[in-house]
C-alpha atoms as a PDB file:
ATOM      1  CA  MET A   1     -43.927 -18.325 -53.559  1.00  0.00           C
ATOM      2  CA  SER A   2     -40.467 -17.776 -54.971  1.00  0.00           C
ATOM      3  CA  LEU A   3     -40.216 -14.295 -56.525  1.00  0.00           C
ATOM      4  CA  ILE A   4     -38.291 -11.883 -54.316  1.00  0.00           C
ATOM      5  CA  PHE A   5     -38.493  -8.076 -54.426  1.00  0.00           C
ATOM      6  CA  PRO A   6     -35.195  -6.511 -53.337  1.00  0.00           C
ATOM      7  CA  ILE A   7     -35.665  -3.691 -50.846  1.00  0.00           C
ATOM      8  CA  ASP A   8     -32.295  -1.975 -51.212  1.00  0.00           C
ATOM      9  CA  GLY A   9     -31.402  -3.003 -54.748  1.00  0.00           C
ATOM     10  CA  GLU A  10     -29.795  -6.169 -56.032  1.00  0.00           C
ATOM     11  CA  SER A  11     -26.233  -5.475 -54.880  1.00  0.00           C
ATOM     12  CA  VAL A  12     -27.293  -4.685 -51.311  1.00  0.00           C
ATOM     13  CA  VAL A  13     -29.582  -7.721 -51.139  1.00  0.00           C
ATOM     14  CA  LEU A  14     -26.765  -9.991 -52.261  1.00  0.00           C
ATOM     15  CA  ASN A  15     -24.404  -8.458 -49.717  1.00  0.00           C
ATOM     16  CA  GLN A  16     -26.988  -8.803 -46.918  1.00  0.00           C
ATOM     17  CA  ILE A  17     -27.518 -12.515 -47.601  1.00  0.00           C
ATOM     18  CA  PHE A  18     -24.349 -13.556 -49.345  1.00  0.00           C
ATOM     19  CA  ASN A  19     -21.678 -11.046 -48.249  1.00  0.00           C
ATOM     20  CA  THR A  20     -20.222 -10.690 -51.729  1.00  0.00           C
ATOM     21  CA  ASN A  21     -16.608 -10.095 -50.740  1.00  0.00           C
ATOM     22  CA  ARG A  22     -15.004 -12.247 -53.400  1.00  0.00           C
ATOM     23  CA  LEU A  23     -12.079 -14.583 -52.836  1.00  0.00           C
ATOM     24  CA  SER A  24     -10.236 -15.994 -55.830  1.00  0.00           C
ATOM     25  CA  GLY A  25      -6.968 -17.437 -57.059  1.00  0.00           C
ATOM     26  CA  THR A  26      -5.188 -19.637 -59.552  1.00  0.00           C
ATOM     27  CA  ASP A  27      -3.317 -21.711 -57.010  1.00  0.00           C
ATOM     28  CA  LEU A  28      -5.789 -24.314 -55.750  1.00  0.00           C
ATOM     29  CA  ALA A  29      -4.309 -27.682 -54.828  1.00  0.00           C
ATOM     30  CA  ALA A  30      -6.057 -30.811 -53.627  1.00  0.00           C
ATOM     31  CA  THR A  31      -5.435 -34.090 -51.868  1.00  0.00           C
ATOM     32  CA  SER A  32      -7.818 -37.006 -52.336  1.00  0.00           C
ATOM     33  CA  GLY A  33      -9.328 -35.068 -55.232  1.00  0.00           C
ATOM     34  CA  THR A  34     -11.235 -38.062 -56.595  1.00  0.00           C
ATOM     35  CA  THR A  35     -12.920 -38.963 -53.290  1.00  0.00           C
ATOM     36  CA  SER A  36     -16.243 -37.790 -51.887  1.00  0.00           C
ATOM     37  CA  ALA A  37     -14.478 -35.454 -49.436  1.00  0.00           C
ATOM     38  CA  PRO A  38     -11.470 -33.862 -51.161  1.00  0.00           C
ATOM     39  CA  VAL A  39      -9.306 -31.392 -49.259  1.00  0.00           C
ATOM     40  CA  VAL A  40      -8.163 -28.207 -51.000  1.00  0.00           C
ATOM     41  CA  THR A  41      -5.646 -25.518 -50.100  1.00  0.00           C
ATOM     42  CA  SER A  42      -4.580 -22.187 -51.536  1.00  0.00           C
ATOM     43  CA  ALA A  43      -1.329 -20.286 -51.027  1.00  0.00           C
ATOM     44  CA  SER A  44      -3.264 -17.012 -51.311  1.00  0.00           C
ATOM     45  CA  HIS A  45      -6.050 -17.790 -48.823  1.00  0.00           C
ATOM     46  CA  ASN A  46      -6.173 -19.646 -45.531  1.00  0.00           C
ATOM     47  CA  PHE A  47      -9.520 -21.411 -45.303  1.00  0.00           C
ATOM     48  CA  VAL A  48     -11.076 -20.865 -41.864  1.00  0.00           C
ATOM     49  CA  ALA A  49     -14.283 -21.704 -39.985  1.00  0.00           C
ATOM     50  CA  ALA A  50     -16.057 -18.659 -41.452  1.00  0.00           C
ATOM     51  CA  ASP A  51     -15.750 -20.265 -44.904  1.00  0.00           C
ATOM     52  CA  VAL A  52     -17.771 -23.358 -43.912  1.00  0.00           C
ATOM     53  CA  GLY A  53     -21.044 -23.466 -45.839  1.00  0.00           C
ATOM     54  CA  SER A  54     -19.732 -21.235 -48.613  1.00  0.00           C
ATOM     55  CA  LEU A  55     -19.647 -22.325 -52.231  1.00  0.00           C
ATOM     56  CA  ILE A  56     -16.403 -22.475 -54.189  1.00  0.00           C
ATOM     57  CA  TYR A  57     -16.376 -22.469 -57.978  1.00  0.00           C
ATOM     58  CA  ILE A  58     -13.521 -24.244 -59.768  1.00  0.00           C
ATOM     59  CA  SER A  59     -13.385 -22.856 -63.293  1.00  0.00           C
ATOM     60  CA  ALA A  60     -10.165 -24.174 -64.863  1.00  0.00           C
ATOM     61  CA  GLY A  61      -7.033 -26.241 -64.373  1.00  0.00           C
ATOM     62  CA  THR A  62      -5.540 -29.510 -65.582  1.00  0.00           C
ATOM     63  CA  ASN A  63      -7.396 -32.528 -64.133  1.00  0.00           C
ATOM     64  CA  TRP A  64      -9.844 -30.309 -62.190  1.00  0.00           C
ATOM     65  CA  LEU A  65     -13.597 -30.903 -62.586  1.00  0.00           C
ATOM     66  CA  VAL A  66     -15.200 -27.552 -63.388  1.00  0.00           C
ATOM     67  CA  GLY A  67     -18.190 -26.813 -61.162  1.00  0.00           C
ATOM     68  CA  TRP A  68     -19.614 -25.667 -57.828  1.00  0.00           C
ATOM     69  CA  TYR A  69     -18.629 -27.266 -54.519  1.00  0.00           C
ATOM     70  CA  GLN A  70     -19.674 -26.595 -50.943  1.00  0.00           C
ATOM     71  CA  ILE A  71     -17.103 -26.225 -48.171  1.00  0.00           C
ATOM     72  CA  ILE A  72     -18.217 -28.616 -45.433  1.00  0.00           C
ATOM     73  CA  SER A  73     -15.365 -28.144 -42.970  1.00  0.00           C
ATOM     74  CA  CYS A  74     -12.060 -26.324 -42.486  1.00  0.00           C
ATOM     75  CA  ALA A  75      -8.938 -27.275 -40.542  1.00  0.00           C
ATOM     76  CA  SER A  76      -5.290 -26.240 -40.661  1.00  0.00           C
ATOM     77  CA  ASN A  77      -6.027 -23.641 -43.390  1.00  0.00           C
ATOM     78  CA  ALA A  78      -7.505 -26.316 -45.677  1.00  0.00           C
ATOM     79  CA  ALA A  79     -11.117 -26.800 -46.813  1.00  0.00           C
ATOM     80  CA  THR A  80     -12.957 -30.092 -47.236  1.00  0.00           C
ATOM     81  CA  LEU A  81     -15.431 -30.103 -50.141  1.00  0.00           C
ATOM     82  CA  ASP A  82     -18.705 -31.992 -50.490  1.00  0.00           C
ATOM     83  CA  HIS A  83     -17.829 -34.110 -53.549  1.00  0.00           C
ATOM     84  CA  ALA A  84     -14.974 -35.117 -55.846  1.00  0.00           C
ATOM     85  CA  CYS A  85     -13.331 -32.142 -57.533  1.00  0.00           C
ATOM     86  CA  ALA A  86     -10.715 -33.710 -59.818  1.00  0.00           C
ATOM     87  CA  SER A  87      -9.934 -36.654 -62.054  1.00  0.00           C
ATOM     88  CA  THR A  88      -6.628 -37.255 -60.263  1.00  0.00           C
ATOM     89  CA  SER A  89      -5.811 -37.362 -56.583  1.00  0.00           C
ATOM     90  CA  SER A  90      -3.519 -34.335 -56.300  1.00  0.00           C
ATOM     91  CA  PRO A  91      -4.165 -31.657 -58.941  1.00  0.00           C
ATOM     92  CA  THR A  92      -2.544 -28.227 -58.649  1.00  0.00           C
ATOM     93  CA  ALA A  93      -2.880 -24.731 -60.160  1.00  0.00           C
ATOM     94  CA  GLY A  94      -6.675 -24.723 -60.132  1.00  0.00           C
ATOM     95  CA  THR A  95      -8.520 -21.499 -60.896  1.00  0.00           C
ATOM     96  CA  TRP A  96     -11.109 -20.876 -58.195  1.00  0.00           C
ATOM     97  CA  ASN A  97     -13.324 -18.304 -56.542  1.00  0.00           C
ATOM     98  CA  VAL A  98     -15.666 -18.022 -53.588  1.00  0.00           C
ATOM     99  CA  PRO A  99     -18.161 -15.408 -54.814  1.00  0.00           C
ATOM    100  CA  TYR A 100     -19.984 -15.040 -51.509  1.00  0.00           C
ATOM    101  CA  ASN A 101     -20.209 -16.191 -47.920  1.00  0.00           C
ATOM    102  CA  THR A 102     -23.747 -16.961 -46.865  1.00  0.00           C
ATOM    103  CA  GLN A 103     -25.315 -15.137 -43.920  1.00  0.00           C
ATOM    104  CA  ASP A 104     -27.910 -16.330 -41.393  1.00  0.00           C
ATOM    105  CA  THR A 105     -31.290 -14.626 -41.865  1.00  0.00           C
ATOM    106  CA  VAL A 106     -34.890 -14.862 -40.579  1.00  0.00           C
ATOM    107  CA  LEU A 107     -38.008 -15.383 -42.720  1.00  0.00           C
ATOM    108  CA  ARG A 108     -41.091 -13.521 -41.449  1.00  0.00           C
ATOM    109  CA  LEU A 109     -44.706 -12.942 -42.550  1.00  0.00           C
ATOM    110  CA  TYR A 110     -46.439  -9.563 -42.518  1.00  0.00           C
ATOM    111  CA  THR A 111     -50.087  -8.638 -42.081  1.00  0.00           C
ATOM    112  CA  ASN A 112     -50.308  -5.008 -43.230  1.00  0.00           C
ATOM    113  CA  ASN A 113     -51.319  -4.329 -46.839  1.00  0.00           C
ATOM    114  CA  HIS A 114     -48.051  -2.871 -48.097  1.00  0.00           C
ATOM    115  CA  THR A 115     -46.199  -3.092 -51.404  1.00  0.00           C
ATOM    116  CA  PRO A 116     -42.446  -3.257 -50.675  1.00  0.00           C
ATOM    117  CA  GLY A 117     -40.355  -0.272 -51.732  1.00  0.00           C
ATOM    118  CA  TYR A 118     -36.736   0.802 -51.671  1.00  0.00           C
ATOM    119  CA  ALA A 119     -37.163   3.081 -48.635  1.00  0.00           C
ATOM    120  CA  ASP A 120     -38.627   0.356 -46.412  1.00  0.00           C
ATOM    121  CA  THR A 121     -37.098  -0.851 -43.162  1.00  0.00           C
ATOM    122  CA  ALA A 122     -38.045  -3.824 -41.012  1.00  0.00           C
ATOM    123  CA  SER A 123     -40.412  -1.616 -39.012  1.00  0.00           C
ATOM    124  CA  THR A 124     -42.427  -0.888 -42.174  1.00  0.00           C
ATOM    125  CA  PHE A 125     -43.919  -4.360 -41.894  1.00  0.00           C
ATOM    126  CA  THR A 126     -46.367  -5.551 -39.249  1.00  0.00           C
ATOM    127  CA  GLU A 127     -45.120  -9.014 -38.408  1.00  0.00           C
ATOM    128  CA  ALA A 128     -47.726 -11.728 -37.882  1.00  0.00           C
ATOM    129  CA  SER A 129     -48.248 -12.900 -34.312  1.00  0.00           C
ATOM    130  CA  GLY A 130     -50.234 -15.531 -32.426  1.00  0.00           C
ATOM    131  CA  ASN A 131     -52.219 -18.525 -33.674  1.00  0.00           C
ATOM    132  CA  GLY A 132     -49.142 -20.722 -34.046  1.00  0.00           C
ATOM    133  CA  TYR A 133     -47.087 -18.249 -36.078  1.00  0.00           C
ATOM    134  CA  ALA A 134     -43.331 -18.357 -35.587  1.00  0.00           C
ATOM    135  CA  ALA A 135     -40.601 -16.739 -37.688  1.00  0.00           C
ATOM    136  CA  ILE A 136     -38.269 -19.229 -39.387  1.00  0.00           C
ATOM    137  CA  ALA A 137     -34.483 -19.042 -39.107  1.00  0.00           C
ATOM    138  CA  LEU A 138     -32.664 -19.519 -42.415  1.00  0.00           C
ATOM    139  CA  SER A 139     -29.165 -20.947 -42.103  1.00  0.00           C
ATOM    140  CA  GLY A 140     -26.668 -19.331 -44.426  1.00  0.00           C
ATOM    141  CA  ALA A 141     -25.160 -22.728 -45.202  1.00  0.00           C
ATOM    142  CA  SER A 142     -28.463 -24.063 -46.611  1.00  0.00           C
ATOM    143  CA  TRP A 143     -28.693 -21.786 -49.664  1.00  0.00           C
ATOM    144  CA  GLY A 144     -28.230 -23.816 -52.829  1.00  0.00           C
ATOM    145  CA  ALA A 145     -25.662 -23.430 -55.565  1.00  0.00           C
ATOM    146  CA  PRO A 146     -26.409 -20.928 -58.340  1.00  0.00           C
ATOM    147  CA  SER A 147     -28.352 -22.358 -61.280  1.00  0.00           C
ATOM    148  CA  GLY A 148     -28.241 -20.825 -64.747  1.00  0.00           C
ATOM    149  CA  ASP A 149     -25.872 -18.163 -65.957  1.00  0.00           C
ATOM    150  CA  ASP A 150     -27.541 -14.817 -66.715  1.00  0.00           C
ATOM    151  CA  PRO A 151     -29.669 -14.428 -64.775  1.00  0.00           C
ATOM    152  CA  ALA A 152     -28.524 -16.895 -62.132  1.00  0.00           C
ATOM    153  CA  THR A 153     -30.878 -17.990 -59.360  1.00  0.00           C
ATOM    154  CA  ILE A 154     -30.006 -19.101 -55.847  1.00  0.00           C
ATOM    155  CA  ALA A 155     -32.757 -20.867 -53.910  1.00  0.00           C
ATOM    156  CA  TYR A 156     -33.365 -21.918 -50.321  1.00  0.00           C
ATOM    157  CA  PRO A 157     -35.361 -25.085 -49.501  1.00  0.00           C
ATOM    158  CA  GLN A 158     -39.113 -24.535 -49.201  1.00  0.00           C
ATOM    159  CA  GLN A 159     -40.261 -23.357 -45.774  1.00  0.00           C
ATOM    160  CA  THR A 160     -43.716 -23.980 -44.276  1.00  0.00           C
ATOM    161  CA  PHE A 161     -45.615 -21.823 -41.773  1.00  0.00           C
ATOM    162  CA  THR A 162     -48.354 -23.806 -39.980  1.00  0.00           C
ATOM    163  CA  PHE A 163     -51.116 -22.057 -38.023  1.00  0.00           C
ATOM    164  CA  THR A 164     -53.383 -23.098 -35.179  1.00  0.00           C
ATOM    165  CA  GLY A 165     -56.227 -20.613 -35.636  1.00  0.00           C
ATOM    166  CA  ALA A 166     -57.677 -17.492 -37.247  1.00  0.00           C
ATOM    167  CA  LEU A 167     -54.681 -15.247 -37.801  1.00  0.00           C
ATOM    168  CA  GLY A 168     -56.449 -13.315 -40.567  1.00  0.00           C
ATOM    169  CA  ASN A 169     -54.930 -11.855 -43.705  1.00  0.00           C
ATOM    170  CA  VAL A 170     -51.252 -12.380 -44.508  1.00  0.00           C
ATOM    171  CA  TYR A 171     -50.093 -10.077 -47.294  1.00  0.00           C
ATOM    172  CA  GLY A 172     -46.504 -11.147 -47.832  1.00  0.00           C
ATOM    173  CA  TYR A 173     -43.160 -11.999 -46.300  1.00  0.00           C
ATOM    174  CA  PHE A 174     -39.891 -10.292 -45.475  1.00  0.00           C
ATOM    175  CA  ILE A 175     -36.402 -11.439 -44.563  1.00  0.00           C
ATOM    176  CA  THR A 176     -34.089  -9.819 -42.022  1.00  0.00           C
ATOM    177  CA  ARG A 177     -30.480 -10.378 -41.029  1.00  0.00           C
ATOM    178  CA  LYS A 178     -30.314 -12.611 -37.954  1.00  0.00           C
ATOM    179  CA  ASN A 179     -27.532 -10.719 -36.230  1.00  0.00           C
ATOM    180  CA  THR A 180     -28.758  -7.153 -36.841  1.00  0.00           C
ATOM    181  CA  GLY A 181     -32.469  -7.331 -37.706  1.00  0.00           C
ATOM    182  CA  THR A 182     -31.761  -5.299 -40.846  1.00  0.00           C
ATOM    183  CA  LEU A 183     -34.331  -5.677 -43.613  1.00  0.00           C
ATOM    184  CA  VAL A 184     -32.935  -7.620 -46.562  1.00  0.00           C
ATOM    185  CA  LEU A 185     -35.882  -8.122 -48.914  1.00  0.00           C
ATOM    186  CA  ALA A 186     -39.642  -8.597 -49.071  1.00  0.00           C
ATOM    187  CA  GLU A 187     -42.469  -9.701 -51.336  1.00  0.00           C
ATOM    188  CA  LEU A 188     -46.163  -8.892 -51.521  1.00  0.00           C
ATOM    189  CA  PHE A 189     -47.958 -12.113 -52.456  1.00  0.00           C
ATOM    190  CA  SER A 190     -49.142 -11.758 -56.068  1.00  0.00           C
ATOM    191  CA  ASN A 191     -52.311 -13.781 -55.409  1.00  0.00           C
ATOM    192  CA  GLY A 192     -52.824 -12.734 -51.781  1.00  0.00           C
ATOM    193  CA  PRO A 193     -53.716 -11.932 -49.194  1.00  0.00           C
ATOM    194  CA  TYR A 194     -53.916 -15.400 -47.703  1.00  0.00           C
ATOM    195  CA  ASN A 195     -56.738 -15.457 -45.148  1.00  0.00           C
ATOM    196  CA  ILE A 196     -55.668 -17.816 -42.344  1.00  0.00           C
ATOM    197  CA  GLN A 197     -58.768 -19.106 -40.559  1.00  0.00           C
ATOM    198  CA  ASN A 198     -58.270 -22.721 -39.534  1.00  0.00           C
ATOM    199  CA  ASN A 199     -56.080 -24.908 -37.387  1.00  0.00           C
ATOM    200  CA  GLY A 200     -53.659 -26.562 -39.823  1.00  0.00           C
ATOM    201  CA  ASP A 201     -53.672 -23.820 -42.483  1.00  0.00           C
ATOM    202  CA  THR A 202     -50.238 -23.377 -44.040  1.00  0.00           C
ATOM    203  CA  ILE A 203     -48.223 -20.935 -46.127  1.00  0.00           C
ATOM    204  CA  LYS A 204     -45.266 -22.323 -48.073  1.00  0.00           C
ATOM    205  CA  ILE A 205     -42.420 -20.117 -49.316  1.00  0.00           C
ATOM    206  CA  THR A 206     -39.330 -20.944 -51.378  1.00  0.00           C
ATOM    207  CA  PRO A 207     -36.922 -18.001 -50.942  1.00  0.00           C
ATOM    208  CA  THR A 208     -35.106 -17.363 -54.225  1.00  0.00           C
ATOM    209  CA  VAL A 209     -32.701 -14.653 -55.308  1.00  0.00           C
ATOM    210  CA  THR A 210     -32.121 -13.811 -58.964  1.00  0.00           C
ATOM    211  CA  ALA A 211     -28.895 -12.036 -59.875  1.00  0.00           C
ATOM    212  CA  THR A 212     -27.714 -10.754 -63.232  1.00  0.00           C
END
């Protein structure tokens, strides 16, 4: 499944997962810009460990390659990106923004027959238990880059729940913040419930957020 129903509205969902406190500037500079691990700096922002895993979008600038890049490490106020960002080694005056910082969350299944609504909290859902079920931690750094423009979608790699016995009906899934347990979003399976009866039964979910 991939369609997500936002519990608290789109802006809150994006803030819960992506912490949409924007960073931006027109002062990006790079060293080793043509290599597979270019290093970028900004006079207006010191890149720190909290930025690792975030996506930076370079939108303009002479010799810059417009596109999305992931920050893979930070040191001495500089960020190392995951692939070449320029056609020359040391471009300057790049226009950039980091639209969000990804947050760690937890993917869970629920067994009560409930259609998600805006007033829901995590306690609204009866989480599955037993028969091999285990909630799945979602690393903030593993969310993909946005695809498309309007609406844009941001997807997480497919996750698989594997069971060892007769858990019974599973009606949908919900995602909570790892550090607070706050409900972020949920979905009632459109073709559910899935009746888990056998050792080896699985449910596969591809978490996806659509933002306009």
